[in-house]
């Protein structure tokens, strides 16, 4: 664990949008897809506080080639490198070799020093949010056919409530349970649960309008949809009595609405709390040897994969 002074220095360096190298180990850097990376600095923090004679820098990208002159990088004469418009396939090892001299004061003898720094740069996305919703309704008996009719009607009504947000329901189901209470005797309740996610038909068109931060848009939409459902259920007693065709004796149980967030990652991305501790909540690009074909949060193993961000084992 760093000493307080070192922690303060790290905070200052983050404010400058710079990440320094380390001779002892590679440095992990996480860049949001389509954003620019911070400046990778071809020296460690200690060396940056000293005078350096005749410095020369050689930056090499994940493909093993010199990065000088590439259109997507900004390489400065002081050894800093920024990768612009970062994509999945730009992930990998960025290494810099620093050549500089030490001159003996008395003899003026020159010694060339060579130091290498390695940065592992990973593309990441924000996790896509969905919500598991739980809600209960009182009913007169568990064996009523109208319970099924009510459940189908409920899905239809709730679907229309959030249709303008390109959100949808998945995994909707219910069970009826008999509950004995000390004050009210035996009661019957429908335990309803479903997921709300922002991937209803047309969601891609919404993303095309804001391609750089699609996760932010979809996450805002699904949160709004879930909140709308909560408001709807608060008014449901009146709606059940006046508008819904199901038997009105089925009533919303006050304050039974609860929500649990569920994260998912886009294909080619996953979470790994051990490997990426500094970006544990992020969906980080799947590394070579792994892939993710769907919206799970785990990259699967596949020895044949040689690229970053693979969506299939081929």
Foldseek 3Di string as FASTA:
>chain_A
DDDPVVVVVVVVCVVVQEDEFDQVDAAEFEDEAQAKHRKYAFHHPVCVVDDFAPKDKFKAFQVRDTPPPPPQWDADPRRIIMGGNDHQQRFAKIKMKIWTWDADPPPRDIDIDITMGIYGYWYWAFWAKKKKKKFKKWDADQPDPLVVVVQVLVQVVLCVLLVVLQKHKPPWDWHKDWDQDPPPGITIMIIIIIMIFNHHPPLVVVCVVPVRRSSVSRNVSNVVSLVSVVVCLVVVLVCLVPPGPGDSNIHTDPPRIDMDMDTWAAWQWAADCVVCVVPRSIGIGAAFQWTDQGGHRDTHGANQGHGTSHNDRD
